[in-house]
C-alpha cells in the first residue's frame, strides 16, 4: 500500500491525512504498466492483449455486429471496454452491451446534447464541471461536494432529470475524448476526476440523497465502463469514511482501485499529474478565468442552496422501517445502542394529521430508568410539523451508550398521533449497526 501511495507523494499517514488508517480501506490504482510484460497480467487494451484476449475480442465483434449501427463507436478500443468490465466473459459482456443499447434508446443519448436541456435549477445549483486536461491529455472533471444542496435539488427536480443530466455530461466528455484522440494522435477514452470533499456534511448523508447518488453510480457502472482513468479525492473530512462506505456498494472493484485519497500534500500530487496551466489556482495551478477568478467559475460550477421558489414538491417519498400510534398524553421511545464513539445516529420521521414532539437522550450508565428526568439530554425535545414536511437529522455520538429517541405526544390531551420512522446507527467506518429497539 505504502509503495503504491508513494507514487502520488508521501505515504498517507496521520501527518498528511486526518483520516489515518482509513486509507488502507480504499485501494489505489493498479500500475501494471510499471511491471515487465512477462511478470504481469495483460491489461486487455489495444496493443496489450494476450492471445486468448485477442481471440475473445474477435468473437465478441462477430457476435455484436448486428448492433454496430446503434453504438457510438465500433473500434477495438470501445469493444474492449465492455470486455474488461466483465473480465473477458463474452456472454456477460454481450449482455451488458445490448442492455446499454436499450439504455441509449431510452435516454436518447445520441441526441441528448443538442436536443435536451437540463432544468434551470440543475444548471444553476448542481456543482462541478470540466476544466483542463491532465499530462496525458485526458479531460478533467471536478465534482465539488460542499456547496451541493441535495435536499433542495431533490425537492426541485425528478430523479430521471438528474440521470439525464449525468448522461448528457458523460456524452459531452466522450466527445471531448474523441477530439483529444484526433488532436494528440493517441487514444483517449477516460477522464481524470477530482472529487473535492471540503464541506462534506450531514446534509449530504440524507438517505434519499444517498439513494439517488447510488442510482447515478449504478448507471455509470452499467453503461459507461472504464470511463474513469483515476479519481483524486481531496480535502476529505473525518466524516468521509462513513460517506464512502455508504456509496461503496455501488462501485465495482475496478472503480474502487482507481480511487486515490490524498492528504495535506494534495496540491503537490495534482501538479505531478496535471500541468499548472491546466489546473485552477484554487487547486494548486496557475489557471484562472479571463477575469482572474482563481476558481474558474466559468467552467466549474459551485452550486449553492436551492431557493424554495424552485421546489415542485414538499417532501420525498421515503420507505420507513416502522409505524406506531402514540396515544394522547403519552410518548414512545426507541433505543439505539451505540458501541463506538464518533458513530453517527440518524433518523427520519413523519407524522399524520398533526405535529409531534421529538428529542434525543442518553441513558445513564447502569440505569434502566425510562423517565426523561433520569436521561441526559442530547437534542432538546421540540414539536415538529412533520405532518407537513418529514423530518430528518443526525448527531455524532461522542460516547458509546444507549441513546433514546423520544416521540412526545404528552402535550396532546385529545388526539393520538401516527408516526412513521427509521433510525440507523453508522459506525465511524460507515458500517450499519443492528436495528434500533423499542423498550419493553
Protein backbone atom coordinates (compact mmCIF):
# COMPACT_ATOMS: atom_id res chain seq x y z
CA UNK A 1 0.00 0.00 0.00
CA UNK A 2 2.70 2.46 1.03
CA UNK A 3 4.74 1.75 -2.08
CA UNK A 4 1.76 2.48 -4.31
CA UNK A 5 0.90 5.68 -2.47
CA UNK A 6 4.45 6.92 -2.65
CA UNK A 7 3.98 7.40 -6.39
CA UNK A 8 1.43 10.08 -5.54
CA UNK A 9 3.58 11.82 -2.91
CA UNK A 10 4.50 10.91 0.67
CA UNK A 11 2.71 7.95 2.30
CA UNK A 12 -0.72 8.89 3.59
CA UNK A 13 -0.40 8.86 7.35
CA UNK A 14 -1.79 10.95 10.20
CA UNK A 15 0.66 13.74 9.44
CA UNK A 16 -0.61 14.12 5.89
CA UNK A 17 -4.17 12.86 6.18
CA UNK A 18 -6.57 13.24 9.12
CA UNK A 19 -8.32 10.04 8.08
CA UNK A 20 -5.37 7.99 9.35
CA UNK A 21 -5.68 4.27 8.72
CA UNK A 22 -8.88 4.59 6.69
CA UNK A 23 -6.82 4.96 3.51
CA UNK A 24 -5.94 1.29 3.89
CA UNK A 25 -9.58 0.52 3.13
CA UNK A 26 -9.53 2.44 -0.16
CA UNK A 27 -7.32 0.67 -2.65
CA UNK A 28 -5.43 2.74 -5.17
CA UNK A 29 -4.98 2.41 -8.88
CA UNK A 30 -3.01 -0.60 -10.05
CA UNK A 31 0.01 0.28 -12.15
CA UNK A 32 0.52 -2.88 -14.15
CA UNK A 33 2.29 -0.86 -16.82
CA UNK A 34 5.24 -0.43 -14.43
CA UNK A 35 5.90 -4.17 -14.43
CA UNK A 36 7.79 -6.15 -17.07
CA UNK A 37 5.32 -7.69 -19.53
CA UNK A 38 6.31 -11.26 -18.68
CA UNK A 39 5.64 -10.62 -14.96
CA UNK A 40 2.09 -9.27 -15.15
CA UNK A 41 -1.37 -9.92 -16.50
CA UNK A 42 -2.08 -8.31 -19.85
CA UNK A 43 -4.13 -5.13 -19.46
CA UNK A 44 -6.75 -6.08 -22.02
CA UNK A 45 -6.17 -2.93 -24.04
CA UNK A 46 -5.26 -2.49 -27.69
CA UNK A 47 -1.61 -3.46 -28.09
CA UNK A 48 -1.57 -5.31 -24.79
CA UNK A 49 -3.74 -8.38 -25.37
CA UNK A 50 -2.94 -11.98 -24.64
CA UNK A 51 -3.64 -14.45 -27.47
CA UNK A 52 -6.77 -15.58 -25.64
CA UNK A 53 -7.99 -11.99 -25.15
CA UNK A 54 -7.44 -11.25 -28.84
CA UNK A 55 -9.48 -14.35 -29.72
CA UNK A 56 -12.31 -13.28 -27.39
CA UNK A 57 -12.30 -9.78 -28.89
CA UNK A 58 -12.71 -11.18 -32.41
CA UNK A 59 -15.58 -13.43 -31.35
CA UNK A 60 -17.20 -10.56 -29.43
CA UNK A 61 -17.03 -8.34 -32.50
CA UNK A 62 -18.75 -11.00 -34.61
CA UNK A 63 -21.48 -11.60 -32.01
CA UNK A 64 -22.49 -7.91 -31.67
CA UNK A 65 -22.22 -6.85 -35.32
CA UNK A 66 -25.99 -6.53 -35.54
CA UNK A 67 -26.00 -3.60 -33.08
CA UNK A 68 -22.97 -1.78 -34.52
CA UNK A 69 -25.12 0.95 -36.14
CA UNK A 70 -26.55 1.76 -32.69
CA UNK A 71 -23.18 2.15 -30.95
CA UNK A 72 -21.22 5.41 -30.66
CA UNK A 73 -18.09 3.53 -31.77
CA UNK A 74 -17.21 0.15 -33.27
CA UNK A 75 -13.48 0.31 -32.58
CA UNK A 76 -11.49 -2.33 -30.75
CA UNK A 77 -10.84 0.26 -28.03
CA UNK A 78 -14.57 0.64 -27.44
CA UNK A 79 -15.41 -3.06 -27.52
CA UNK A 80 -12.58 -3.88 -25.13
CA UNK A 81 -14.06 -1.57 -22.51
CA UNK A 82 -17.07 -3.87 -22.24
CA UNK A 83 -14.92 -6.99 -22.19
CA UNK A 84 -12.67 -5.62 -19.45
CA UNK A 85 -15.73 -4.63 -17.42
CA UNK A 86 -16.80 -8.28 -17.42
CA UNK A 87 -13.34 -9.83 -17.12
CA UNK A 88 -13.49 -11.02 -20.75
CA UNK A 89 -16.56 -13.15 -20.08
CA UNK A 90 -18.03 -12.84 -23.56
CA UNK A 91 -21.61 -13.74 -22.61
CA UNK A 92 -21.72 -11.21 -19.77
CA UNK A 93 -20.06 -8.51 -21.89
CA UNK A 94 -22.54 -9.07 -24.72
CA UNK A 95 -25.49 -8.89 -22.35
CA UNK A 96 -24.11 -5.69 -20.83
CA UNK A 97 -23.60 -4.05 -24.23
CA UNK A 98 -27.04 -5.00 -25.53
CA UNK A 99 -28.64 -3.54 -22.39
CA UNK A 100 -26.65 -0.37 -23.00
CA UNK A 101 -28.11 -0.09 -26.49
CA UNK A 102 -31.59 -0.13 -24.96
CA UNK A 103 -30.43 2.43 -22.41
CA UNK A 104 -29.18 4.72 -25.17
CA UNK A 105 -32.54 4.47 -26.93
CA UNK A 106 -34.44 5.26 -23.74
CA UNK A 107 -32.22 8.22 -22.83
CA UNK A 108 -31.89 9.37 -26.46
CA UNK A 109 -28.17 9.53 -25.77
CA UNK A 110 -27.19 10.14 -29.40
CA UNK A 111 -29.05 13.46 -29.49
CA UNK A 112 -29.22 14.41 -25.82
CA UNK A 113 -26.53 17.09 -26.04
CA UNK A 114 -28.33 19.13 -28.69
CA UNK A 115 -31.95 18.25 -28.07
CA UNK A 116 -32.31 18.21 -24.28
CA UNK A 117 -31.57 20.96 -21.78
CA UNK A 118 -31.40 20.32 -18.03
CA UNK A 119 -33.84 22.26 -15.84
CA UNK A 120 -32.65 25.70 -14.77
CA UNK A 121 -32.26 24.65 -11.14
CA UNK A 122 -29.79 21.93 -12.17
CA UNK A 123 -27.83 24.33 -14.37
CA UNK A 124 -27.55 26.81 -11.51
CA UNK A 125 -27.20 24.64 -8.42
CA UNK A 126 -25.52 21.36 -9.35
CA UNK A 127 -21.82 21.86 -8.74
CA UNK A 128 -18.95 20.57 -10.87
CA UNK A 129 -17.68 20.81 -14.41
CA UNK A 130 -14.87 20.08 -16.85
CA UNK A 131 -11.73 22.16 -16.65
CA UNK A 132 -8.40 21.36 -18.32
CA UNK A 133 -6.54 18.18 -19.25
CA UNK A 134 -4.04 16.03 -17.40
CA UNK A 135 -0.50 15.45 -18.69
CA UNK A 136 -1.60 12.53 -20.87
CA UNK A 137 -4.37 14.60 -22.46
CA UNK A 138 -7.33 13.14 -20.56
CA UNK A 139 -10.06 15.67 -19.71
CA UNK A 140 -10.51 16.57 -16.05
CA UNK A 141 -13.91 16.72 -14.37
CA UNK A 142 -14.40 18.34 -10.97
CA UNK A 143 -17.09 17.28 -8.51
CA UNK A 144 -17.41 19.87 -5.73
CA UNK A 145 -19.48 18.34 -2.95
CA UNK A 146 -19.57 21.01 -0.22
CA UNK A 147 -21.90 23.62 -1.78
CA UNK A 148 -24.33 20.97 -3.05
CA UNK A 149 -27.84 21.17 -1.58
CA UNK A 150 -29.12 17.60 -2.07
CA UNK A 151 -32.47 18.10 -0.39
CA UNK A 152 -33.22 21.31 -2.30
CA UNK A 153 -32.34 19.65 -5.60
CA UNK A 154 -34.42 16.54 -4.96
CA UNK A 155 -37.35 18.77 -3.98
CA UNK A 156 -36.99 20.64 -7.27
CA UNK A 157 -36.41 18.00 -9.97
CA UNK A 158 -37.12 14.35 -10.63
CA UNK A 159 -34.53 11.62 -10.28
CA UNK A 160 -34.91 10.97 -14.00
CA UNK A 161 -33.86 14.56 -14.74
CA UNK A 162 -30.76 14.02 -12.61
CA UNK A 163 -29.90 10.86 -14.52
CA UNK A 164 -30.46 12.52 -17.89
CA UNK A 165 -28.19 15.39 -16.84
CA UNK A 166 -25.42 12.97 -15.91
CA UNK A 167 -25.86 11.09 -19.18
CA UNK A 168 -25.63 14.38 -21.07
CA UNK A 169 -22.45 15.35 -19.22
CA UNK A 170 -20.92 11.93 -19.86
CA UNK A 171 -21.75 12.07 -23.56
CA UNK A 172 -20.11 15.51 -23.71
CA UNK A 173 -16.97 14.10 -22.10
CA UNK A 174 -16.98 11.19 -24.56
CA UNK A 175 -16.92 13.67 -27.44
CA UNK A 176 -14.10 15.61 -25.77
CA UNK A 177 -12.13 12.36 -25.54
CA UNK A 178 -12.70 11.76 -29.25
CA UNK A 179 -11.48 15.28 -30.06
CA UNK A 180 -8.41 14.77 -27.88
CA UNK A 181 -7.66 11.46 -29.59
CA UNK A 182 -7.73 13.14 -33.01
CA UNK A 183 -5.70 16.11 -31.80
CA UNK A 184 -2.99 14.14 -29.99
CA UNK A 185 -2.83 11.12 -32.28
CA UNK A 186 -3.27 8.72 -29.36
CA UNK A 187 -6.34 7.05 -27.97
CA UNK A 188 -8.07 8.91 -25.13
CA UNK A 189 -11.15 7.21 -23.68
CA UNK A 190 -11.27 8.07 -19.98
CA UNK A 191 -11.31 11.06 -17.64
CA UNK A 192 -9.50 12.15 -14.53
CA UNK A 193 -11.94 13.03 -11.74
CA UNK A 194 -11.07 15.42 -8.92
CA UNK A 195 -13.54 14.96 -6.09
CA UNK A 196 -13.42 17.93 -3.72
CA UNK A 197 -14.86 16.86 -0.36
CA UNK A 198 -14.43 20.14 1.50
CA UNK A 199 -17.69 20.90 3.29
CA UNK A 200 -18.95 17.31 3.22
CA UNK A 201 -21.55 17.21 5.99
CA UNK A 202 -24.60 15.51 7.39
CA UNK A 203 -26.85 17.06 4.74
CA UNK A 204 -25.05 15.02 2.11
CA UNK A 205 -25.78 11.79 4.01
CA UNK A 206 -29.55 12.31 3.84
CA UNK A 207 -30.89 8.89 2.95
CA UNK A 208 -32.84 9.89 -0.21
CA UNK A 209 -29.72 11.72 -1.44
CA UNK A 210 -27.54 8.64 -0.92
CA UNK A 211 -30.13 6.53 -2.74
CA UNK A 212 -30.22 8.98 -5.66
CA UNK A 213 -26.43 9.09 -5.82
CA UNK A 214 -26.38 5.29 -5.74
CA UNK A 215 -28.70 5.20 -8.75
CA UNK A 216 -26.36 7.55 -10.63
CA UNK A 217 -23.29 5.47 -9.76
CA UNK A 218 -25.05 2.27 -10.82
CA UNK A 219 -26.00 3.91 -14.11
CA UNK A 220 -22.34 4.81 -14.73
CA UNK A 221 -21.09 1.34 -13.83
CA UNK A 222 -23.60 -0.38 -16.11
CA UNK A 223 -23.42 1.96 -19.09
CA UNK A 224 -20.06 3.72 -19.13
CA UNK A 225 -17.49 1.11 -18.08
CA UNK A 226 -13.83 2.06 -17.98
CA UNK A 227 -14.81 5.73 -18.22
CA UNK A 228 -12.59 6.70 -15.27
CA UNK A 229 -8.83 6.89 -15.52
CA UNK A 230 -8.36 7.81 -11.87
CA UNK A 231 -10.16 9.63 -9.06
CA UNK A 232 -8.28 12.06 -6.86
CA UNK A 233 -10.20 12.58 -3.65
CA UNK A 234 -9.07 15.74 -1.85
CA UNK A 235 -9.84 17.62 1.38
CA UNK A 236 -11.66 14.66 2.93
CA UNK A 237 -13.07 15.43 6.40
CA UNK A 238 -13.37 12.93 9.25
CA UNK A 239 -16.93 12.19 8.11
CA UNK A 240 -15.64 10.84 4.80
CA UNK A 241 -15.23 7.16 5.84
CA UNK A 242 -18.92 6.99 6.70
CA UNK A 243 -19.92 8.68 3.44
CA UNK A 244 -17.64 6.45 1.36
CA UNK A 245 -18.92 3.26 2.90
CA UNK A 246 -22.50 4.30 2.12
CA UNK A 247 -21.76 4.55 -1.61
CA UNK A 248 -19.09 1.85 -1.86
CA UNK A 249 -21.62 -0.94 -2.59
CA UNK A 250 -22.50 0.84 -5.85
CA UNK A 251 -18.88 0.79 -7.08
CA UNK A 252 -17.26 -2.17 -8.78
CA UNK A 253 -13.87 -3.33 -7.58
CA UNK A 254 -12.08 -1.88 -10.60
CA UNK A 255 -13.53 1.56 -9.90
CA UNK A 256 -12.50 1.35 -6.24
CA UNK A 257 -8.95 0.59 -7.31
CA UNK A 258 -8.84 3.88 -9.22
CA UNK A 259 -9.63 6.00 -6.14
CA UNK A 260 -6.66 7.80 -4.60
CA UNK A 261 -7.31 9.52 -1.26
CA UNK A 262 -4.88 12.43 -0.94
CA UNK A 263 -3.73 14.12 2.25
CA UNK A 264 -2.42 17.57 3.07
CA UNK A 265 0.00 17.49 0.13
CA UNK A 266 -2.82 17.14 -2.41
CA UNK A 267 -1.78 20.18 -4.46
CA UNK A 268 1.71 18.76 -4.96
CA UNK A 269 0.25 15.43 -6.06
CA UNK A 270 -2.15 17.06 -8.53
CA UNK A 271 0.72 19.02 -10.08
CA UNK A 272 2.55 15.75 -10.73
CA UNK A 273 -0.31 14.64 -12.96
CA UNK A 274 -1.60 17.97 -14.30
CA UNK A 275 0.40 20.87 -15.77
CA UNK A 276 -0.08 24.07 -13.79
CA UNK A 277 -1.59 25.93 -16.75
CA UNK A 278 -4.34 23.26 -16.85
CA UNK A 279 -5.04 23.42 -13.11
CA UNK A 280 -7.04 26.24 -11.46
CA UNK A 281 -5.17 28.43 -8.98
CA UNK A 282 -7.59 27.26 -6.27
CA UNK A 283 -6.36 23.70 -6.87
CA UNK A 284 -2.64 24.47 -6.93
CA UNK A 285 -2.11 25.55 -10.54
CA UNK A 286 -1.91 28.83 -12.45
CA UNK A 287 -5.14 28.69 -14.48
CA UNK A 288 -7.71 31.45 -13.97
CA UNK A 289 -10.82 32.71 -15.72
CA UNK A 290 -10.31 35.67 -18.10
CA UNK A 291 -11.41 37.97 -15.25
CA UNK A 292 -8.77 36.49 -12.94
CA UNK A 293 -11.12 34.25 -10.93
CA UNK A 294 -8.84 31.58 -9.35
CA UNK A 295 -11.72 29.10 -9.01
CA UNK A 296 -12.54 29.13 -12.76
CA UNK A 297 -16.28 29.51 -12.23
CA UNK A 298 -16.85 29.85 -15.96
CA UNK A 299 -16.02 26.14 -16.21
CA UNK A 300 -16.65 24.73 -12.74
CA UNK A 301 -19.99 25.42 -11.09
CA UNK A 302 -20.05 25.73 -7.31
CA UNK A 303 -23.75 25.19 -6.62
CA UNK A 304 -25.37 26.62 -3.51
CA UNK A 305 -28.59 26.48 -1.53
CA UNK A 306 -31.59 25.97 -3.81
CA UNK A 307 -34.24 28.70 -3.31
CA UNK A 308 -37.64 27.33 -2.30
CA UNK A 309 -39.14 29.02 -5.32
CA UNK A 310 -37.75 26.09 -7.35
CA UNK A 311 -39.43 23.42 -5.19
CA UNK A 312 -42.03 21.37 -7.01
CA UNK A 313 -42.83 19.10 -4.05
CA UNK A 314 -42.87 19.38 -0.27
CA UNK A 315 -41.33 16.03 0.51
CA UNK A 316 -39.64 12.95 -0.88
CA UNK A 317 -41.34 9.57 -0.69
CA UNK A 318 -39.48 7.55 1.93
CA UNK A 319 -39.86 3.94 2.96
CA UNK A 320 -39.92 3.94 6.77
CA UNK A 321 -38.95 0.99 8.91
CA UNK A 322 -41.77 1.24 11.44
CA UNK A 323 -45.12 2.94 12.06
CA UNK A 324 -46.60 3.38 15.55
CA UNK A 325 -49.67 5.00 17.05
CA UNK A 326 -48.91 7.17 20.07
CA UNK A 327 -51.84 7.68 22.39
CA UNK A 328 -52.84 11.11 23.68
CA UNK A 329 -50.89 12.28 26.75
CA UNK A 330 -48.19 9.67 26.14
CA UNK A 331 -44.83 9.16 24.43
CA UNK A 332 -42.98 6.49 22.52
CA UNK A 333 -39.27 5.73 22.86
CA UNK A 334 -36.80 3.99 20.57
CA UNK A 335 -33.47 2.81 21.94
CA UNK A 336 -30.31 2.62 19.84
CA UNK A 337 -27.20 1.19 21.42
CA UNK A 338 -24.04 2.80 20.11
CA UNK A 339 -20.92 0.68 20.55
CA UNK A 340 -18.26 3.09 19.26
CA UNK A 341 -17.57 6.75 19.96
CA UNK A 342 -17.99 9.07 16.95
CA UNK A 343 -20.64 6.85 15.41
CA UNK A 344 -23.44 8.63 13.60
CA UNK A 345 -27.04 8.26 14.76
CA UNK A 346 -29.50 9.37 12.11
CA UNK A 347 -33.27 9.36 11.81
CA UNK A 348 -36.21 10.21 9.58
CA UNK A 349 -39.82 10.52 10.66
CA UNK A 350 -43.21 11.76 9.53
CA UNK A 351 -46.46 12.17 11.41
CA UNK A 352 -50.06 12.12 10.20
CA UNK A 353 -52.61 14.88 10.75
CA UNK A 354 -50.72 16.85 13.42
CA UNK A 355 -47.31 17.74 14.82
CA UNK A 356 -45.21 15.55 17.15
CA UNK A 357 -42.53 16.22 19.71
CA UNK A 358 -39.08 14.72 19.25
CA UNK A 359 -35.83 14.69 21.23
CA UNK A 360 -32.73 12.54 21.73
CA UNK A 361 -31.41 11.47 25.12
CA UNK A 362 -28.64 9.26 26.55
CA UNK A 363 -29.38 6.68 29.22
CA UNK A 364 -27.32 6.97 32.37
CA UNK A 365 -24.85 4.12 32.66
CA UNK A 366 -26.09 1.41 34.98
CA UNK A 367 -29.64 2.76 34.98
CA UNK A 368 -32.67 1.13 33.39
CA UNK A 369 -34.95 4.08 34.01
CA UNK A 370 -37.02 5.28 31.07
CA UNK A 371 -38.06 8.53 32.70
CA UNK A 372 -36.95 11.66 30.87
CA UNK A 373 -35.78 13.18 34.14
CA UNK A 374 -33.25 10.33 34.51
CA UNK A 375 -31.87 10.70 30.97
CA UNK A 376 -29.14 13.04 29.70
CA UNK A 377 -30.50 15.44 27.12
CA UNK A 378 -28.58 15.33 23.83
CA UNK A 379 -31.06 17.00 21.48
CA UNK A 380 -33.72 19.10 23.23
CA UNK A 381 -37.29 17.97 22.64
CA UNK A 382 -39.23 20.19 20.24
CA UNK A 383 -42.52 19.99 18.39
CA UNK A 384 -42.11 19.34 14.66
CA UNK A 385 -44.67 19.88 11.91
CA UNK A 386 -43.74 16.51 10.47
CA UNK A 387 -47.23 16.13 9.03
CA UNK A 388 -46.36 18.87 6.54
CA UNK A 389 -42.68 18.13 5.88
CA UNK A 390 -40.97 14.91 7.05
CA UNK A 391 -38.09 15.49 9.42
CA UNK A 392 -34.61 14.03 9.20
CA UNK A 393 -31.49 14.60 11.22
CA UNK A 394 -28.38 13.10 12.73
CA UNK A 395 -25.89 13.53 15.53
CA UNK A 396 -22.35 12.33 16.09
CA UNK A 397 -22.30 10.31 19.30
CA UNK A 398 -19.41 11.49 21.41
CA UNK A 399 -19.51 8.38 23.59
CA UNK A 400 -20.86 4.84 23.44
CA UNK A 401 -24.10 4.08 25.22
CA UNK A 402 -27.82 3.63 24.79
CA UNK A 403 -29.39 6.60 23.02
CA UNK A 404 -33.12 7.15 23.36
CA UNK A 405 -35.14 8.79 20.60
CA UNK A 406 -38.37 10.01 22.16
CA UNK A 407 -41.54 10.86 20.28
CA UNK A 408 -43.57 13.07 22.58
CA UNK A 409 -47.35 13.38 22.47
CA UNK A 410 -47.83 14.20 26.16
CA UNK A 411 -48.99 17.72 25.34
CA UNK A 412 -51.96 16.46 23.30
CA UNK A 413 -54.97 15.80 25.53
CA UNK A 414 -57.36 14.92 22.72
CA UNK A 415 -55.51 13.40 19.78
CA UNK A 416 -53.39 10.30 19.27
CA UNK A 417 -50.65 10.51 16.62
CA UNK A 418 -49.45 8.05 13.99
CA UNK A 419 -45.69 8.32 13.39
CA UNK A 420 -43.58 6.53 10.78
CA UNK A 421 -39.84 6.47 11.36
CA UNK A 422 -36.46 4.96 10.53
CA UNK A 423 -33.45 5.02 12.83
CA UNK A 424 -29.93 3.92 11.91
CA UNK A 425 -26.51 3.87 13.56
CA UNK A 426 -23.40 4.06 11.39
CA UNK A 427 -20.02 3.27 12.91
CA UNK A 428 -17.05 5.60 12.25
CA UNK A 429 -16.16 3.20 9.43
CA UNK A 430 -19.61 3.62 7.90
CA UNK A 431 -20.91 0.13 8.76
CA UNK A 432 -24.53 -0.13 9.92
CA UNK A 433 -25.20 -1.46 13.42
CA UNK A 434 -28.12 -3.74 14.31
CA UNK A 435 -31.58 -2.21 14.12
CA UNK A 436 -32.88 0.02 16.90
CA UNK A 437 -35.16 -1.48 19.50
CA UNK A 438 -38.14 -0.24 21.47
CA UNK A 439 -38.00 -0.74 25.23
CA UNK A 440 -40.19 -3.45 26.68
